[in-house]
């Protein structure tokens, strides 16, 4: 039996694991880039952060991971 838990958490990139891969990429680039490159990396991470949320909300028919929990 599956219980439908908080759907907003599934759209939260901090909780659905969407940002974990992005933050790893960010920290790798952070050690390699200069201060000028850092601005570009920050913009890239922010756009990807938005993409995580947009993908979740644009596909409501496919429930994200972590929405259904076994009772």
C-alpha atoms as a PDB file:
ATOM      1  CA  UNK A   1       0.000   0.000   0.000  1.00  0.00           C
ATOM      2  CA  UNK A   2       1.364   3.417  -0.960  1.00  0.00           C
ATOM      3  CA  UNK A   3       0.627   6.650   0.831  1.00  0.00           C
ATOM      4  CA  UNK A   4       0.852   9.952  -1.023  1.00  0.00           C
ATOM      5  CA  UNK A   5       3.187  12.148   0.976  1.00  0.00           C
ATOM      6  CA  UNK A   6       3.942  15.860   0.631  1.00  0.00           C
ATOM      7  CA  UNK A   7       4.128  16.559  -3.092  1.00  0.00           C
ATOM      8  CA  UNK A   8       5.846  19.897  -2.588  1.00  0.00           C
ATOM      9  CA  UNK A   9       8.877  18.104  -1.185  1.00  0.00           C
ATOM     10  CA  UNK A  10       9.112  16.180  -4.434  1.00  0.00           C
ATOM     11  CA  UNK A  11       9.344  19.470  -6.307  1.00  0.00           C
ATOM     12  CA  UNK A  12      11.907  20.795  -3.849  1.00  0.00           C
ATOM     13  CA  UNK A  13      15.263  20.288  -5.593  1.00  0.00           C
ATOM     14  CA  UNK A  14      17.006  20.204  -2.222  1.00  0.00           C
ATOM     15  CA  UNK A  15      14.962  17.174  -1.159  1.00  0.00           C
ATOM     16  CA  UNK A  16      14.468  15.236  -4.408  1.00  0.00           C
ATOM     17  CA  UNK A  17      18.199  14.960  -5.102  1.00  0.00           C
ATOM     18  CA  UNK A  18      18.029  17.080  -8.232  1.00  0.00           C
ATOM     19  CA  UNK A  19      20.544  19.572  -6.876  1.00  0.00           C
ATOM     20  CA  UNK A  20      22.989  17.045  -5.447  1.00  0.00           C
ATOM     21  CA  UNK A  21      24.579  16.372  -8.829  1.00  0.00           C
ATOM     22  CA  UNK A  22      24.500  20.074  -9.665  1.00  0.00           C
ATOM     23  CA  UNK A  23      26.243  21.084  -6.451  1.00  0.00           C
ATOM     24  CA  UNK A  24      28.989  18.537  -7.113  1.00  0.00           C
ATOM     25  CA  UNK A  25      29.544  20.033 -10.559  1.00  0.00           C
ATOM     26  CA  UNK A  26      29.503  23.490  -9.025  1.00  0.00           C
ATOM     27  CA  UNK A  27      32.172  22.673  -6.429  1.00  0.00           C
ATOM     28  CA  UNK A  28      34.354  21.023  -9.056  1.00  0.00           C
ATOM     29  CA  UNK A  29      34.158  24.112 -11.273  1.00  0.00           C
ATOM     30  CA  UNK A  30      34.608  26.401  -8.282  1.00  0.00           C
ATOM     31  CA  UNK A  31      38.116  25.087  -7.695  1.00  0.00           C
ATOM     32  CA  UNK A  32      39.015  25.423 -11.371  1.00  0.00           C
ATOM     33  CA  UNK A  33      37.539  28.775 -12.336  1.00  0.00           C
ATOM     34  CA  UNK A  34      38.634  32.337 -11.762  1.00  0.00           C
ATOM     35  CA  UNK A  35      36.459  35.030 -10.219  1.00  0.00           C
ATOM     36  CA  UNK A  36      35.117  35.926 -13.668  1.00  0.00           C
ATOM     37  CA  UNK A  37      34.263  32.315 -14.425  1.00  0.00           C
ATOM     38  CA  UNK A  38      32.584  31.993 -11.047  1.00  0.00           C
ATOM     39  CA  UNK A  39      29.837  34.398 -12.106  1.00  0.00           C
ATOM     40  CA  UNK A  40      29.105  32.270 -15.168  1.00  0.00           C
ATOM     41  CA  UNK A  41      29.037  29.104 -13.069  1.00  0.00           C
ATOM     42  CA  UNK A  42      26.631  30.700 -10.593  1.00  0.00           C
ATOM     43  CA  UNK A  43      24.276  31.694 -13.407  1.00  0.00           C
ATOM     44  CA  UNK A  44      24.515  28.174 -14.811  1.00  0.00           C
ATOM     45  CA  UNK A  45      23.665  26.589 -11.454  1.00  0.00           C
ATOM     46  CA  UNK A  46      20.720  28.948 -10.961  1.00  0.00           C
ATOM     47  CA  UNK A  47      19.320  28.119 -14.387  1.00  0.00           C
ATOM     48  CA  UNK A  48      19.709  24.385 -13.720  1.00  0.00           C
ATOM     49  CA  UNK A  49      18.071  24.873 -10.317  1.00  0.00           C
ATOM     50  CA  UNK A  50      15.074  26.386 -12.094  1.00  0.00           C
ATOM     51  CA  UNK A  51      15.077  23.568 -14.626  1.00  0.00           C
ATOM     52  CA  UNK A  52      14.753  21.000 -11.834  1.00  0.00           C
ATOM     53  CA  UNK A  53      11.601  22.692 -10.571  1.00  0.00           C
ATOM     54  CA  UNK A  54      10.175  23.289 -14.053  1.00  0.00           C
ATOM     55  CA  UNK A  55      10.675  19.660 -15.062  1.00  0.00           C
ATOM     56  CA  UNK A  56       8.878  18.511 -11.933  1.00  0.00           C
ATOM     57  CA  UNK A  57       5.885  20.798 -12.411  1.00  0.00           C
ATOM     58  CA  UNK A  58       5.638  20.225 -16.160  1.00  0.00           C
ATOM     59  CA  UNK A  59       5.304  16.451 -15.685  1.00  0.00           C
ATOM     60  CA  UNK A  60       2.618  16.017 -13.007  1.00  0.00           C
ATOM     61  CA  UNK A  61       1.477  12.743 -14.539  1.00  0.00           C
ATOM     62  CA  UNK A  62       4.777  11.121 -13.629  1.00  0.00           C
ATOM     63  CA  UNK A  63       5.184  11.386  -9.846  1.00  0.00           C
ATOM     64  CA  UNK A  64       8.731  12.284  -8.787  1.00  0.00           C
ATOM     65  CA  UNK A  65      10.801   9.978  -6.649  1.00  0.00           C
ATOM     66  CA  UNK A  66       9.959  10.202  -2.973  1.00  0.00           C
ATOM     67  CA  UNK A  67       6.320  11.159  -3.348  1.00  0.00           C
ATOM     68  CA  UNK A  68       4.948   7.700  -2.674  1.00  0.00           C
ATOM     69  CA  UNK A  69       5.923   6.078   0.617  1.00  0.00           C
ATOM     70  CA  UNK A  70       5.050   2.551   1.720  1.00  0.00           C
ATOM     71  CA  UNK A  71       2.859   2.359   4.801  1.00  0.00           C
END
